[in-house]
Amino acid sequence: MKDIDRKISIIVKACNDKKGFDIKAIDIRKLTPITDYFVLVSGNSTTQVLSIADEVEEKMIEAGYELLGKEGKESSRWILLDFGDIIVHVFHREDREFYSLDKLWADGDELTLDHML
């Protein structure tokens, strides 16, 4: 398994373990130099959003990956976790609909995640 596949798998499983939904991984390498992949996930409450973000952070650090930055923990409506080549966006359901990153990055290639759950 390639390292990037391992990272995405860890993130997706952590999101799923905390009942995150509408999990998407988008390859944006052709669209921007800021990162290679976005992982988007939704939660139904600020408590769930925080729980998902904490689980992703914990599992990635346990696997030996460094968290380069974290934003949004105070409000727990949209938490961003920066792992360098992957940026994880953990949204409250309403904020995900409002900001619509799925549509903004629709030109990226969505990865199939079924085998990672």
PDB file of N, CA and C in Angstrom:
ATOM      1  N   MET A   1       0.847  -1.185   0.000  1.00  0.00           N
ATOM      2  CA  MET A   1       0.000   0.000   0.000  1.00  0.00           C
ATOM      3  C   MET A   1       0.887   1.241   0.000  1.00  0.00           C
ATOM      4  N   LYS A   2       0.598   2.153  -0.917  1.00  0.00           N
ATOM      5  CA  LYS A   2       1.343   3.403  -0.968  1.00  0.00           C
ATOM      6  C   LYS A   2       1.061   4.214   0.295  1.00  0.00           C
ATOM      7  N   ASP A   3       2.038   5.052   0.656  1.00  0.00           N
ATOM      8  CA  ASP A   3       1.906   5.851   1.872  1.00  0.00           C
ATOM      9  C   ASP A   3       0.660   6.733   1.839  1.00  0.00           C
ATOM     10  N   ILE A   4       0.381   7.348   0.687  1.00  0.00           N
ATOM     11  CA  ILE A   4      -0.792   8.235   0.603  1.00  0.00           C
ATOM     12  C   ILE A   4      -2.080   7.431   0.806  1.00  0.00           C
ATOM     13  N   ASP A   5      -2.127   6.213   0.261  1.00  0.00           N
ATOM     14  CA  ASP A   5      -3.300   5.355   0.457  1.00  0.00           C
ATOM     15  C   ASP A   5      -3.443   4.983   1.927  1.00  0.00           C
ATOM     16  N   ARG A   6      -2.318   4.726   2.588  1.00  0.00           N
ATOM     17  CA  ARG A   6      -2.346   4.387   4.020  1.00  0.00           C
ATOM     18  C   ARG A   6      -2.882   5.565   4.832  1.00  0.00           C
ATOM     19  N   LYS A   7      -2.405   6.762   4.527  1.00  0.00           N
ATOM     20  CA  LYS A   7      -2.872   7.956   5.244  1.00  0.00           C
ATOM     21  C   LYS A   7      -4.368   8.161   5.055  1.00  0.00           C
ATOM     22  N   ILE A   8      -4.814   8.097   3.811  1.00  0.00           N
ATOM     23  CA  ILE A   8      -6.242   8.308   3.537  1.00  0.00           C
ATOM     24  C   ILE A   8      -7.070   7.235   4.223  1.00  0.00           C
ATOM     25  N   SER A   9      -6.590   6.006   4.212  1.00  0.00           N
ATOM     26  CA  SER A   9      -7.306   4.908   4.869  1.00  0.00           C
ATOM     27  C   SER A   9      -7.439   5.155   6.375  1.00  0.00           C
ATOM     28  N   ILE A  10      -6.370   5.594   7.012  1.00  0.00           N
ATOM     29  CA  ILE A  10      -6.406   5.904   8.454  1.00  0.00           C
ATOM     30  C   ILE A  10      -7.422   7.008   8.733  1.00  0.00           C
ATOM     31  N   ILE A  11      -7.405   8.048   7.911  1.00  0.00           N
ATOM     32  CA  ILE A  11      -8.318   9.185   8.095  1.00  0.00           C
ATOM     33  C   ILE A  11      -9.768   8.752   7.903  1.00  0.00           C
ATOM     34  N   VAL A  12     -10.025   8.015   6.826  1.00  0.00           N
ATOM     35  CA  VAL A  12     -11.395   7.574   6.529  1.00  0.00           C
ATOM     36  C   VAL A  12     -11.921   6.657   7.637  1.00  0.00           C
ATOM     37  N   LYS A  13     -11.103   5.734   8.098  1.00  0.00           N
ATOM     38  CA  LYS A  13     -11.532   4.827   9.173  1.00  0.00           C
ATOM     39  C   LYS A  13     -11.809   5.591  10.463  1.00  0.00           C
ATOM     40  N   ALA A  14     -10.957   6.574  10.780  1.00  0.00           N
ATOM     41  CA  ALA A  14     -11.170   7.375  11.985  1.00  0.00           C
ATOM     42  C   ALA A  14     -12.483   8.159  11.889  1.00  0.00           C
ATOM     43  N   CYS A  15     -12.754   8.728  10.721  1.00  0.00           N
ATOM     44  CA  CYS A  15     -14.021   9.456  10.512  1.00  0.00           C
ATOM     45  C   CYS A  15     -15.210   8.518  10.667  1.00  0.00           C
ATOM     46  N   ASN A  16     -15.103   7.356  10.069  1.00  0.00           N
ATOM     47  CA  ASN A  16     -16.182   6.365  10.124  1.00  0.00           C
ATOM     48  C   ASN A  16     -16.397   5.861  11.556  1.00  0.00           C
ATOM     49  N   ASP A  17     -15.315   5.667  12.301  1.00  0.00           N
ATOM     50  CA  ASP A  17     -15.418   5.194  13.686  1.00  0.00           C
ATOM     51  C   ASP A  17     -16.212   6.157  14.566  1.00  0.00           C
ATOM     52  N   LYS A  18     -16.173   7.435  14.246  1.00  0.00           N
ATOM     53  CA  LYS A  18     -16.908   8.445  15.019  1.00  0.00           C
ATOM     54  C   LYS A  18     -18.211   8.843  14.327  1.00  0.00           C
ATOM     55  N   LYS A  19     -18.663   7.988  13.405  1.00  0.00           N
ATOM     56  CA  LYS A  19     -19.956   8.151  12.722  1.00  0.00           C
ATOM     57  C   LYS A  19     -20.023   9.389  11.845  1.00  0.00           C
ATOM     58  N   GLY A  20     -18.851   9.825  11.344  1.00  0.00           N
ATOM     59  CA  GLY A  20     -18.846  10.885  10.350  1.00  0.00           C
ATOM     60  C   GLY A  20     -19.537  10.376   9.092  1.00  0.00           C
ATOM     61  N   PHE A  21     -20.118  11.278   8.326  1.00  0.00           N
ATOM     62  CA  PHE A  21     -20.831  10.837   7.132  1.00  0.00           C
ATOM     63  C   PHE A  21     -20.473  11.713   5.937  1.00  0.00           C
ATOM     64  N   ASP A  22     -20.883  11.244   4.760  1.00  0.00           N
ATOM     65  CA  ASP A  22     -20.582  11.908   3.498  1.00  0.00           C
ATOM     66  C   ASP A  22     -19.073  12.161   3.384  1.00  0.00           C
ATOM     67  N   ILE A  23     -18.303  11.103   3.634  1.00  0.00           N
ATOM     68  CA  ILE A  23     -16.843  11.187   3.583  1.00  0.00           C
ATOM     69  C   ILE A  23     -16.399  11.152   2.123  1.00  0.00           C
ATOM     70  N   LYS A  24     -15.597  12.146   1.750  1.00  0.00           N
ATOM     71  CA  LYS A  24     -15.072  12.211   0.385  1.00  0.00           C
ATOM     72  C   LYS A  24     -13.586  12.528   0.441  1.00  0.00           C
ATOM     73  N   ALA A  25     -12.832  11.896  -0.438  1.00  0.00           N
ATOM     74  CA  ALA A  25     -11.423  12.233  -0.634  1.00  0.00           C
ATOM     75  C   ALA A  25     -11.279  12.693  -2.077  1.00  0.00           C
ATOM     76  N   ILE A  26     -10.676  13.855  -2.256  1.00  0.00           N
ATOM     77  CA  ILE A  26     -10.568  14.460  -3.580  1.00  0.00           C
ATOM     78  C   ILE A  26      -9.095  14.720  -3.891  1.00  0.00           C
ATOM     79  N   ASP A  27      -8.646  14.198  -5.024  1.00  0.00           N
ATOM     80  CA  ASP A  27      -7.294  14.443  -5.515  1.00  0.00           C
ATOM     81  C   ASP A  27      -7.304  15.801  -6.211  1.00  0.00           C
ATOM     82  N   ILE A  28      -6.586  16.766  -5.637  1.00  0.00           N
ATOM     83  CA  ILE A  28      -6.582  18.127  -6.197  1.00  0.00           C
ATOM     84  C   ILE A  28      -5.192  18.524  -6.698  1.00  0.00           C
ATOM     85  N   ARG A  29      -4.325  17.546  -6.925  1.00  0.00           N
ATOM     86  CA  ARG A  29      -2.949  17.839  -7.349  1.00  0.00           C
ATOM     87  C   ARG A  29      -2.894  18.648  -8.642  1.00  0.00           C
ATOM     88  N   LYS A  30      -3.818  18.415  -9.554  1.00  0.00           N
ATOM     89  CA  LYS A  30      -3.818  19.125 -10.835  1.00  0.00           C
ATOM     90  C   LYS A  30      -4.400  20.539 -10.717  1.00  0.00           C
ATOM     91  N   LEU A  31      -5.021  20.842  -9.588  1.00  0.00           N
ATOM     92  CA  LEU A  31      -5.755  22.100  -9.448  1.00  0.00           C
ATOM     93  C   LEU A  31      -5.051  23.165  -8.627  1.00  0.00           C
ATOM     94  N   THR A  32      -4.181  22.745  -7.702  1.00  0.00           N
ATOM     95  CA  THR A  32      -3.578  23.703  -6.778  1.00  0.00           C
ATOM     96  C   THR A  32      -2.279  23.148  -6.195  1.00  0.00           C
ATOM     97  N   PRO A  33      -1.354  24.028  -5.863  1.00  0.00           N
ATOM     98  CA  PRO A  33      -0.121  23.571  -5.221  1.00  0.00           C
ATOM     99  C   PRO A  33      -0.213  23.505  -3.687  1.00  0.00           C
ATOM    100  N   ILE A  34      -1.355  23.877  -3.102  1.00  0.00           N
ATOM    101  CA  ILE A  34      -1.425  23.970  -1.633  1.00  0.00           C
ATOM    102  C   ILE A  34      -1.368  22.614  -0.937  1.00  0.00           C
ATOM    103  N   THR A  35      -1.893  21.578  -1.576  1.00  0.00           N
ATOM    104  CA  THR A  35      -1.879  20.234  -1.016  1.00  0.00           C
ATOM    105  C   THR A  35      -2.224  19.261  -2.138  1.00  0.00           C
ATOM    106  N   ASP A  36      -2.135  17.968  -1.847  1.00  0.00           N
ATOM    107  CA  ASP A  36      -2.446  16.959  -2.861  1.00  0.00           C
ATOM    108  C   ASP A  36      -3.889  16.457  -2.769  1.00  0.00           C
ATOM    109  N   TYR A  37      -4.385  16.325  -1.548  1.00  0.00           N
ATOM    110  CA  TYR A  37      -5.718  15.750  -1.338  1.00  0.00           C
ATOM    111  C   TYR A  37      -6.473  16.525  -0.272  1.00  0.00           C
ATOM    112  N   PHE A  38      -7.774  16.597  -0.462  1.00  0.00           N
ATOM    113  CA  PHE A  38      -8.704  17.044   0.571  1.00  0.00           C
ATOM    114  C   PHE A  38      -9.516  15.828   0.987  1.00  0.00           C
ATOM    115  N   VAL A  39      -9.740  15.687   2.284  1.00  0.00           N
ATOM    116  CA  VAL A  39     -10.726  14.736   2.782  1.00  0.00           C
ATOM    117  C   VAL A  39     -11.794  15.575   3.467  1.00  0.00           C
ATOM    118  N   LEU A  40     -13.048  15.380   3.061  1.00  0.00           N
ATOM    119  CA  LEU A  40     -14.185  16.107   3.623  1.00  0.00           C
ATOM    120  C   LEU A  40     -15.061  15.125   4.372  1.00  0.00           C
ATOM    121  N   VAL A  41     -15.537  15.540   5.531  1.00  0.00           N
ATOM    122  CA  VAL A  41     -16.436  14.699   6.329  1.00  0.00           C
ATOM    123  C   VAL A  41     -17.378  15.603   7.104  1.00  0.00           C
ATOM    124  N   SER A  42     -18.577  15.100   7.366  1.00  0.00           N
ATOM    125  CA  SER A  42     -19.584  15.884   8.099  1.00  0.00           C
ATOM    126  C   SER A  42     -19.957  15.210   9.408  1.00  0.00           C
ATOM    127  N   GLY A  43     -20.370  16.061  10.356  1.00  0.00           N
ATOM    128  CA  GLY A  43     -20.945  15.615  11.615  1.00  0.00           C
ATOM    129  C   GLY A  43     -22.226  16.383  11.861  1.00  0.00           C
ATOM    130  N   ASN A  44     -23.073  15.863  12.741  1.00  0.00           N
ATOM    131  CA  ASN A  44     -24.377  16.476  12.998  1.00  0.00           C
ATOM    132  C   ASN A  44     -24.387  17.499  14.133  1.00  0.00           C
ATOM    133  N   SER A  45     -23.301  17.580  14.891  1.00  0.00           N
ATOM    134  CA  SER A  45     -23.249  18.508  16.023  1.00  0.00           C
ATOM    135  C   SER A  45     -21.806  18.966  16.214  1.00  0.00           C
ATOM    136  N   THR A  46     -21.636  20.048  16.965  1.00  0.00           N
ATOM    137  CA  THR A  46     -20.273  20.511  17.235  1.00  0.00           C
ATOM    138  C   THR A  46     -19.507  19.474  18.050  1.00  0.00           C
ATOM    139  N   THR A  47     -20.198  18.767  18.923  1.00  0.00           N
ATOM    140  CA  THR A  47     -19.558  17.708  19.704  1.00  0.00           C
ATOM    141  C   THR A  47     -19.043  16.600  18.793  1.00  0.00           C
ATOM    142  N   GLN A  48     -19.852  16.201  17.827  1.00  0.00           N
ATOM    143  CA  GLN A  48     -19.428  15.151  16.901  1.00  0.00           C
ATOM    144  C   GLN A  48     -18.291  15.642  16.007  1.00  0.00           C
ATOM    145  N   VAL A  49     -18.356  16.869  15.532  1.00  0.00           N
ATOM    146  CA  VAL A  49     -17.295  17.435  14.702  1.00  0.00           C
ATOM    147  C   VAL A  49     -15.966  17.391  15.460  1.00  0.00           C
ATOM    148  N   LEU A  50     -15.977  17.823  16.697  1.00  0.00           N
ATOM    149  CA  LEU A  50     -14.773  17.810  17.532  1.00  0.00           C
ATOM    150  C   LEU A  50     -14.283  16.385  17.756  1.00  0.00           C
ATOM    151  N   SER A  51     -15.201  15.471  18.009  1.00  0.00           N
ATOM    152  CA  SER A  51     -14.847  14.066  18.226  1.00  0.00           C
ATOM    153  C   SER A  51     -14.192  13.453  16.992  1.00  0.00           C
ATOM    154  N   ILE A  52     -14.731  13.747  15.807  1.00  0.00           N
ATOM    155  CA  ILE A  52     -14.163  13.236  14.559  1.00  0.00           C
ATOM    156  C   ILE A  52     -12.747  13.794  14.380  1.00  0.00           C
ATOM    157  N   ALA A  53     -12.603  15.096  14.537  1.00  0.00           N
ATOM    158  CA  ALA A  53     -11.293  15.734  14.357  1.00  0.00           C
ATOM    159  C   ALA A  53     -10.265  15.171  15.335  1.00  0.00           C
ATOM    160  N   ASP A  54     -10.662  15.001  16.589  1.00  0.00           N
ATOM    161  CA  ASP A  54      -9.752  14.452  17.598  1.00  0.00           C
ATOM    162  C   ASP A  54      -9.329  13.025  17.250  1.00  0.00           C
ATOM    163  N   GLU A  55     -10.269  12.233  16.749  1.00  0.00           N
ATOM    164  CA  GLU A  55      -9.972  10.842  16.386  1.00  0.00           C
ATOM    165  C   GLU A  55      -9.008  10.790  15.193  1.00  0.00           C
ATOM    166  N   VAL A  56      -9.227  11.615  14.200  1.00  0.00           N
ATOM    167  CA  VAL A  56      -8.327  11.662  13.036  1.00  0.00           C
ATOM    168  C   VAL A  56      -6.921  12.056  13.494  1.00  0.00           C
ATOM    169  N   GLU A  57      -6.848  13.113  14.285  1.00  0.00           N
ATOM    170  CA  GLU A  57      -5.548  13.579  14.782  1.00  0.00           C
ATOM    171  C   GLU A  57      -4.842  12.474  15.571  1.00  0.00           C
ATOM    172  N   GLU A  58      -5.549  11.835  16.481  1.00  0.00           N
ATOM    173  CA  GLU A  58      -4.970  10.793  17.322  1.00  0.00           C
ATOM    174  C   GLU A  58      -4.461   9.613  16.488  1.00  0.00           C
ATOM    175  N   LYS A  59      -5.276   9.123  15.568  1.00  0.00           N
ATOM    176  CA  LYS A  59      -4.901   7.956  14.763  1.00  0.00           C
ATOM    177  C   LYS A  59      -3.735   8.268  13.824  1.00  0.00           C
ATOM    178  N   MET A  60      -3.706   9.462  13.264  1.00  0.00           N
ATOM    179  CA  MET A  60      -2.599   9.826  12.370  1.00  0.00           C
ATOM    180  C   MET A  60      -1.293   9.975  13.155  1.00  0.00           C
ATOM    181  N   ILE A  61      -1.344  10.575  14.318  1.00  0.00           N
ATOM    182  CA  ILE A  61      -0.136  10.719  15.142  1.00  0.00           C
ATOM    183  C   ILE A  61       0.350   9.347  15.610  1.00  0.00           C
ATOM    184  N   GLU A  62      -0.588   8.474  16.012  1.00  0.00           N
ATOM    185  CA  GLU A  62      -0.221   7.103  16.397  1.00  0.00           C
ATOM    186  C   GLU A  62       0.488   6.373  15.259  1.00  0.00           C
ATOM    187  N   ALA A  63       0.098   6.672  14.023  1.00  0.00           N
ATOM    188  CA  ALA A  63       0.689   6.022  12.846  1.00  0.00           C
ATOM    189  C   ALA A  63       2.005   6.684  12.431  1.00  0.00           C
ATOM    190  N   GLY A  64       2.396   7.754  13.133  1.00  0.00           N
ATOM    191  CA  GLY A  64       3.676   8.386  12.870  1.00  0.00           C
ATOM    192  C   GLY A  64       3.644   9.586  11.951  1.00  0.00           C
ATOM    193  N   TYR A  65       2.456  10.117  11.690  1.00  0.00           N
ATOM    194  CA  TYR A  65       2.337  11.282  10.806  1.00  0.00           C
ATOM    195  C   TYR A  65       2.212  12.555  11.633  1.00  0.00           C
ATOM    196  N   GLU A  66       2.828  13.606  11.142  1.00  0.00           N
ATOM    197  CA  GLU A  66       2.863  14.872  11.862  1.00  0.00           C
ATOM    198  C   GLU A  66       1.702  15.773  11.467  1.00  0.00           C
ATOM    199  N   LEU A  67       1.051  16.332  12.462  1.00  0.00           N
ATOM    200  CA  LEU A  67       0.016  17.342  12.232  1.00  0.00           C
ATOM    201  C   LEU A  67       0.714  18.688  12.118  1.00  0.00           C
ATOM    202  N   LEU A  68       0.602  19.324  10.955  1.00  0.00           N
ATOM    203  CA  LEU A  68       1.300  20.580  10.708  1.00  0.00           C
ATOM    204  C   LEU A  68       0.500  21.790  11.161  1.00  0.00           C
ATOM    205  N   GLY A  69      -0.812  21.649  11.223  1.00  0.00           N
ATOM    206  CA  GLY A  69      -1.641  22.766  11.644  1.00  0.00           C
ATOM    207  C   GLY A  69      -3.068  22.338  11.890  1.00  0.00           C
ATOM    208  N   LYS A  70      -3.735  23.107  12.757  1.00  0.00           N
ATOM    209  CA  LYS A  70      -5.132  22.827  13.075  1.00  0.00           C
ATOM    210  C   LYS A  70      -5.835  24.160  13.266  1.00  0.00           C
ATOM    211  N   GLU A  71      -7.000  24.299  12.638  1.00  0.00           N
ATOM    212  CA  GLU A  71      -7.792  25.528  12.743  1.00  0.00           C
ATOM    213  C   GLU A  71      -9.239  25.164  13.032  1.00  0.00           C
ATOM    214  N   GLY A  72      -9.937  26.031  13.754  1.00  0.00           N
ATOM    215  CA  GLY A  72     -11.375  25.910  13.921  1.00  0.00           C
ATOM    216  C   GLY A  72     -11.852  25.132  15.128  1.00  0.00           C
ATOM    217  N   LYS A  73     -10.942  24.673  15.966  1.00  0.00           N
ATOM    218  CA  LYS A  73     -11.355  23.857  17.108  1.00  0.00           C
ATOM    219  C   LYS A  73     -12.240  24.640  18.091  1.00  0.00           C
ATOM    220  N   GLU A  74     -12.015  25.938  18.162  1.00  0.00           N
ATOM    221  CA  GLU A  74     -12.774  26.759  19.120  1.00  0.00           C
ATOM    222  C   GLU A  74     -14.280  26.712  18.845  1.00  0.00           C
ATOM    223  N   SER A  75     -14.663  26.839  17.578  1.00  0.00           N
ATOM    224  CA  SER A  75     -16.087  26.850  17.247  1.00  0.00           C
ATOM    225  C   SER A  75     -16.624  25.454  16.953  1.00  0.00           C
ATOM    226  N   SER A  76     -15.733  24.556  16.522  1.00  0.00           N
ATOM    227  CA  SER A  76     -16.104  23.176  16.168  1.00  0.00           C
ATOM    228  C   SER A  76     -17.213  23.119  15.124  1.00  0.00           C
ATOM    229  N   ARG A  77     -17.216  24.083  14.216  1.00  0.00           N
ATOM    230  CA  ARG A  77     -18.170  24.078  13.095  1.00  0.00           C
ATOM    231  C   ARG A  77     -17.473  23.626  11.813  1.00  0.00           C
ATOM    232  N   TRP A  78     -16.188  23.964  11.696  1.00  0.00           N
ATOM    233  CA  TRP A  78     -15.371  23.559  10.562  1.00  0.00           C
ATOM    234  C   TRP A  78     -13.943  23.476  11.082  1.00  0.00           C
ATOM    235  N   ILE A  79     -13.473  22.264  11.273  1.00  0.00           N
ATOM    236  CA  ILE A  79     -12.118  22.055  11.771  1.00  0.00           C
ATOM    237  C   ILE A  79     -11.252  21.573  10.605  1.00  0.00           C
ATOM    238  N   LEU A  80     -10.127  22.223  10.440  1.00  0.00           N
ATOM    239  CA  LEU A  80      -9.185  21.878   9.390  1.00  0.00           C
ATOM    240  C   LEU A  80      -7.951  21.263  10.038  1.00  0.00           C
ATOM    241  N   LEU A  81      -7.549  20.100   9.539  1.00  0.00           N
ATOM    242  CA  LEU A  81      -6.349  19.411  10.008  1.00  0.00           C
ATOM    243  C   LEU A  81      -5.389  19.303   8.829  1.00  0.00           C
ATOM    244  N   ASP A  82      -4.198  19.860   8.970  1.00  0.00           N
ATOM    245  CA  ASP A  82      -3.225  19.892   7.884  1.00  0.00           C
ATOM    246  C   ASP A  82      -2.128  18.863   8.144  1.00  0.00           C
ATOM    247  N   PHE A  83      -2.101  17.849   7.283  1.00  0.00           N
ATOM    248  CA  PHE A  83      -1.056  16.827   7.357  1.00  0.00           C
ATOM    249  C   PHE A  83      -0.081  16.963   6.181  1.00  0.00           C
ATOM    250  N   GLY A  84       0.008  18.152   5.597  1.00  0.00           N
ATOM    251  CA  GLY A  84       0.929  18.394   4.495  1.00  0.00           C
ATOM    252  C   GLY A  84       0.312  18.029   3.163  1.00  0.00           C
ATOM    253  N   ASP A  85       0.422  16.770   2.790  1.00  0.00           N
ATOM    254  CA  ASP A  85      -0.115  16.341   1.501  1.00  0.00           C
ATOM    255  C   ASP A  85      -1.609  16.047   1.545  1.00  0.00           C
ATOM    256  N   ILE A  86      -2.184  16.042   2.743  1.00  0.00           N
ATOM    257  CA  ILE A  86      -3.632  15.849   2.917  1.00  0.00           C
ATOM    258  C   ILE A  86      -4.146  16.896   3.899  1.00  0.00           C
ATOM    259  N   ILE A  87      -5.208  17.566   3.523  1.00  0.00           N
ATOM    260  CA  ILE A  87      -5.894  18.472   4.445  1.00  0.00           C
ATOM    261  C   ILE A  87      -7.283  17.897   4.687  1.00  0.00           C
ATOM    262  N   VAL A  88      -7.604  17.695   5.953  1.00  0.00           N
ATOM    263  CA  VAL A  88      -8.887  17.134   6.354  1.00  0.00           C
ATOM    264  C   VAL A  88      -9.794  18.279   6.796  1.00  0.00           C
ATOM    265  N   HIS A  89     -10.995  18.309   6.233  1.00  0.00           N
ATOM    266  CA  HIS A  89     -12.005  19.312   6.586  1.00  0.00           C
ATOM    267  C   HIS A  89     -13.139  18.571   7.298  1.00  0.00           C
ATOM    268  N   VAL A  90     -13.303  18.832   8.584  1.00  0.00           N
ATOM    269  CA  VAL A  90     -14.382  18.221   9.364  1.00  0.00           C
ATOM    270  C   VAL A  90     -15.427  19.310   9.582  1.00  0.00           C
ATOM    271  N   PHE A  91     -16.579  19.101   8.964  1.00  0.00           N
ATOM    272  CA  PHE A  91     -17.634  20.117   8.962  1.00  0.00           C
ATOM    273  C   PHE A  91     -18.837  19.721   9.798  1.00  0.00           C
ATOM    274  N   HIS A  92     -19.462  20.735  10.391  1.00  0.00           N
ATOM    275  CA  HIS A  92     -20.837  20.571  10.830  1.00  0.00           C
ATOM    276  C   HIS A  92     -21.659  20.503   9.539  1.00  0.00           C
ATOM    277  N   ARG A  93     -22.638  19.633   9.496  1.00  0.00           N
ATOM    278  CA  ARG A  93     -23.445  19.405   8.288  1.00  0.00           C
ATOM    279  C   ARG A  93     -23.895  20.715   7.631  1.00  0.00           C
ATOM    280  N   GLU A  94     -24.404  21.645   8.428  1.00  0.00           N
ATOM    281  CA  GLU A  94     -24.919  22.908   7.891  1.00  0.00           C
ATOM    282  C   GLU A  94     -23.814  23.753   7.253  1.00  0.00           C
ATOM    283  N   ASP A  95     -22.648  23.764   7.864  1.00  0.00           N
ATOM    284  CA  ASP A  95     -21.538  24.550   7.331  1.00  0.00           C
ATOM    285  C   ASP A  95     -21.000  23.938   6.040  1.00  0.00           C
ATOM    286  N   ARG A  96     -21.004  22.631   5.967  1.00  0.00           N
ATOM    287  CA  ARG A  96     -20.550  21.987   4.729  1.00  0.00           C
ATOM    288  C   ARG A  96     -21.462  22.360   3.567  1.00  0.00           C
ATOM    289  N   GLU A  97     -22.766  22.366   3.828  1.00  0.00           N
ATOM    290  CA  GLU A  97     -23.715  22.763   2.783  1.00  0.00           C
ATOM    291  C   GLU A  97     -23.500  24.227   2.394  1.00  0.00           C
ATOM    292  N   PHE A  98     -23.270  25.081   3.389  1.00  0.00           N
ATOM    293  CA  PHE A  98     -23.102  26.507   3.132  1.00  0.00           C
ATOM    294  C   PHE A  98     -21.836  26.800   2.327  1.00  0.00           C
ATOM    295  N   TYR A  99     -20.700  26.254   2.749  1.00  0.00           N
ATOM    296  CA  TYR A  99     -19.429  26.559   2.086  1.00  0.00           C
ATOM    297  C   TYR A  99     -19.218  25.756   0.804  1.00  0.00           C
ATOM    298  N   SER A 100     -19.838  24.625   0.696  1.00  0.00           N
ATOM    299  CA  SER A 100     -19.893  23.844  -0.537  1.00  0.00           C
ATOM    300  C   SER A 100     -18.525  23.579  -1.179  1.00  0.00           C
ATOM    301  N   LEU A 101     -17.569  23.129  -0.363  1.00  0.00           N
ATOM    302  CA  LEU A 101     -16.256  22.801  -0.915  1.00  0.00           C
ATOM    303  C   LEU A 101     -16.342  21.674  -1.937  1.00  0.00           C
ATOM    304  N   ASP A 102     -17.315  20.795  -1.762  1.00  0.00           N
ATOM    305  CA  ASP A 102     -17.502  19.698  -2.719  1.00  0.00           C
ATOM    306  C   ASP A 102     -17.661  20.251  -4.135  1.00  0.00           C
ATOM    307  N   LYS A 103     -18.453  21.306  -4.264  1.00  0.00           N
ATOM    308  CA  LYS A 103     -18.685  21.916  -5.580  1.00  0.00           C
ATOM    309  C   LYS A 103     -17.490  22.750  -6.023  1.00  0.00           C
ATOM    310  N   LEU A 104     -16.875  23.445  -5.075  1.00  0.00           N
ATOM    311  CA  LEU A 104     -15.726  24.293  -5.384  1.00  0.00           C
ATOM    312  C   LEU A 104     -14.571  23.478  -5.972  1.00  0.00           C
ATOM    313  N   TRP A 105     -14.384  22.253  -5.468  1.00  0.00           N
ATOM    314  CA  TRP A 105     -13.288  21.391  -5.921  1.00  0.00           C
ATOM    315  C   TRP A 105     -13.798  20.242  -6.789  1.00  0.00           C
ATOM    316  N   ALA A 106     -14.922  20.439  -7.442  1.00  0.00           N
ATOM    317  CA  ALA A 106     -15.535  19.387  -8.263  1.00  0.00           C
ATOM    318  C   ALA A 106     -14.662  18.964  -9.448  1.00  0.00           C
ATOM    319  N   ASP A 107     -13.723  19.796  -9.853  1.00  0.00           N
ATOM    320  CA  ASP A 107     -12.828  19.429 -10.949  1.00  0.00           C
ATOM    321  C   ASP A 107     -11.744  18.446 -10.509  1.00  0.00           C
ATOM    322  N   GLY A 108     -11.631  18.229  -9.199  1.00  0.00           N
ATOM    323  CA  GLY A 108     -10.685  17.231  -8.694  1.00  0.00           C
ATOM    324  C   GLY A 108     -11.248  15.834  -8.918  1.00  0.00           C
ATOM    325  N   ASP A 109     -10.389  14.839  -8.750  1.00  0.00           N
ATOM    326  CA  ASP A 109     -10.800  13.447  -8.929  1.00  0.00           C
ATOM    327  C   ASP A 109     -11.178  12.844  -7.581  1.00  0.00           C
ATOM    328  N   GLU A 110     -12.452  12.467  -7.450  1.00  0.00           N
ATOM    329  CA  GLU A 110     -12.908  11.862  -6.202  1.00  0.00           C
ATOM    330  C   GLU A 110     -12.435  10.413  -6.135  1.00  0.00           C
ATOM    331  N   LEU A 111     -11.853  10.041  -5.014  1.00  0.00           N
ATOM    332  CA  LEU A 111     -11.364   8.681  -4.821  1.00  0.00           C
ATOM    333  C   LEU A 111     -12.499   7.775  -4.363  1.00  0.00           C
ATOM    334  N   THR A 112     -12.408   6.514  -4.721  1.00  0.00           N
ATOM    335  CA  THR A 112     -13.359   5.515  -4.231  1.00  0.00           C
ATOM    336  C   THR A 112     -12.893   5.076  -2.855  1.00  0.00           C
ATOM    337  N   LEU A 113     -13.767   5.155  -1.867  1.00  0.00           N
ATOM    338  CA  LEU A 113     -13.377   4.883  -0.485  1.00  0.00           C
ATOM    339  C   LEU A 113     -13.975   3.592   0.074  1.00  0.00           C
ATOM    340  N   ASP A 114     -14.852   2.934  -0.665  1.00  0.00           N
ATOM    341  CA  ASP A 114     -15.553   1.755  -0.152  1.00  0.00           C
ATOM    342  C   ASP A 114     -14.596   0.719   0.452  1.00  0.00           C
ATOM    343  N   HIS A 115     -13.467   0.487  -0.186  1.00  0.00           N
ATOM    344  CA  HIS A 115     -12.526  -0.519   0.276  1.00  0.00           C
ATOM    345  C   HIS A 115     -11.772  -0.103   1.528  1.00  0.00           C
ATOM    346  N   MET A 116     -11.901   1.161   1.947  1.00  0.00           N
ATOM    347  CA  MET A 116     -11.188   1.655   3.107  1.00  0.00           C
ATOM    348  C   MET A 116     -12.007   1.610   4.387  1.00  0.00           C
ATOM    349  N   LEU A 117     -13.283   1.298   4.269  1.00  0.00           N
ATOM    350  CA  LEU A 117     -14.151   1.301   5.451  1.00  0.00           C
ATOM    351  C   LEU A 117     -14.209  -0.038   6.139  1.00  0.00           C
TER     352      LEU A 117
END
